[in-house]
């Protein structure tokens, strides 16, 4: 079952860009882990402090291995040094995934292939 991690965290004003640069190597290393389909931290262009976190893992065991591994521990240590605050990140189990666009190219909010 696919797992999505999504949310936000904040860095002190004026430090976000340096924080993203300082954590870039850990982001790249995390992407090499088994089951890591997407792992992205991106700056919110409407805020000087907010970063969006998005991760997609192939399975719960893959996510568990990540959370027990060196890249996650490294990221926690780095975040502690950088003064991160106001963390709001959740995990989601995905039981059905399909494209937004149907075969005719129309965007659909409903699930149409199940």
Protein backbone atom coordinates (compact mmCIF):
# COMPACT_ATOMS: atom_id res chain seq x y z
CA UNK A 1 0.00 0.00 0.00
CA UNK A 2 1.42 3.37 -1.04
CA UNK A 3 2.05 5.95 1.69
CA UNK A 4 2.04 9.72 1.18
CA UNK A 5 3.70 12.11 3.62
CA UNK A 6 2.57 15.71 3.23
CA UNK A 7 2.68 18.88 5.27
CA UNK A 8 4.56 22.01 6.18
CA UNK A 9 7.32 23.18 8.44
CA UNK A 10 8.78 26.61 9.08
CA UNK A 11 12.26 28.05 9.45
CA UNK A 12 13.11 31.32 11.17
CA UNK A 13 12.58 34.30 8.88
CA UNK A 14 15.54 34.86 6.61
CA UNK A 15 16.98 31.35 7.03
CA UNK A 16 14.75 29.19 4.83
CA UNK A 17 16.85 29.29 1.66
CA UNK A 18 20.02 28.40 3.54
CA UNK A 19 18.14 25.62 5.36
CA UNK A 20 17.01 24.14 2.03
CA UNK A 21 20.56 24.31 0.72
CA UNK A 22 21.91 22.72 3.92
CA UNK A 23 19.47 19.78 3.67
CA UNK A 24 19.69 19.20 -0.10
CA UNK A 25 22.26 16.39 0.19
CA UNK A 26 20.01 14.51 2.64
CA UNK A 27 17.06 14.93 0.27
CA UNK A 28 19.10 13.45 -2.58
CA UNK A 29 20.34 10.57 -0.42
CA UNK A 30 16.81 9.78 0.76
CA UNK A 31 15.68 9.46 -2.85
CA UNK A 32 18.05 6.51 -3.25
CA UNK A 33 16.29 4.45 -0.58
CA UNK A 34 14.27 1.40 -1.52
CA UNK A 35 10.63 2.33 -2.05
CA UNK A 36 11.17 6.08 -2.19
CA UNK A 37 9.08 7.22 -5.15
CA UNK A 38 9.13 10.98 -4.43
CA UNK A 39 10.86 13.06 -1.77
CA UNK A 40 10.63 16.83 -2.14
CA UNK A 41 10.98 19.86 0.07
CA UNK A 42 9.91 23.07 -1.62
CA UNK A 43 9.68 26.70 -0.58
CA UNK A 44 6.23 28.27 -0.44
CA UNK A 45 6.50 31.31 -2.74
CA UNK A 46 3.95 33.21 -0.62
CA UNK A 47 5.81 32.83 2.69
CA UNK A 48 9.37 33.59 3.75
CA UNK A 49 9.41 30.77 6.33
CA UNK A 50 7.25 27.89 5.01
CA UNK A 51 8.49 24.72 3.33
CA UNK A 52 6.19 22.05 1.92
CA UNK A 53 7.18 18.44 2.47
CA UNK A 54 5.97 15.78 0.04
CA UNK A 55 7.02 12.14 0.11
CA UNK A 56 5.63 9.07 -1.64
CA UNK A 57 6.69 5.62 -0.45
CA UNK A 58 5.90 2.32 -2.15
CA UNK A 59 4.95 0.65 1.14
CA UNK A 60 4.69 0.99 4.90
CA UNK A 61 7.80 -1.19 5.39
CA UNK A 62 9.77 1.10 3.05
CA UNK A 63 8.70 4.14 5.06
CA UNK A 64 9.53 2.32 8.31
CA UNK A 65 13.03 1.55 7.02
CA UNK A 66 13.49 5.22 6.13
CA UNK A 67 12.33 6.39 9.57
CA UNK A 68 14.77 3.97 11.23
CA UNK A 69 17.65 4.89 8.93
CA UNK A 70 20.56 7.31 8.82
CA UNK A 71 19.08 9.84 6.39
CA UNK A 72 16.04 10.46 8.57
CA UNK A 73 18.20 10.73 11.71
CA UNK A 74 20.50 13.10 9.83
CA UNK A 75 17.56 15.25 8.78
CA UNK A 76 16.24 15.42 12.35
CA UNK A 77 19.64 16.54 13.58
CA UNK A 78 19.95 19.16 10.86
CA UNK A 79 16.43 20.48 11.51
CA UNK A 80 17.20 20.84 15.19
CA UNK A 81 20.26 22.94 14.34
CA UNK A 82 18.29 25.11 11.92
CA UNK A 83 15.54 26.09 14.37
CA UNK A 84 12.62 24.51 12.54
CA UNK A 85 9.21 25.17 14.13
CA UNK A 86 5.47 24.82 13.53
CA UNK A 87 5.68 21.34 12.02
CA UNK A 88 2.42 19.97 10.59
CA UNK A 89 3.16 16.79 8.65
CA UNK A 90 0.82 13.81 8.23
CA UNK A 91 0.94 10.37 6.62
CA UNK A 92 -1.77 8.87 4.40
CA UNK A 93 -2.35 5.30 3.29
CA UNK A 94 -3.49 5.18 -0.33
CA UNK A 95 -5.87 2.39 -1.30
CA UNK A 96 -6.69 3.68 -4.80
CA UNK A 97 -4.67 5.80 -7.18
CA UNK A 98 -5.63 6.90 -10.66
CA UNK A 99 -4.96 9.79 -13.02
CA UNK A 100 -6.69 13.14 -12.65
CA UNK A 101 -7.45 13.14 -16.39
CA UNK A 102 -9.74 10.56 -17.98
CA UNK A 103 -8.94 8.97 -21.36
CA UNK A 104 -10.56 11.93 -23.13
CA UNK A 105 -8.29 14.41 -21.30
CA UNK A 106 -10.98 15.74 -18.95
CA UNK A 107 -10.01 16.53 -15.35
CA UNK A 108 -12.06 14.42 -12.93
CA UNK A 109 -12.55 14.71 -9.17
CA UNK A 110 -14.40 11.40 -8.99
CA UNK A 111 -12.72 8.01 -9.23
CA UNK A 112 -13.61 6.58 -12.60
CA UNK A 113 -11.53 3.45 -13.12
CA UNK A 114 -12.55 1.42 -10.08
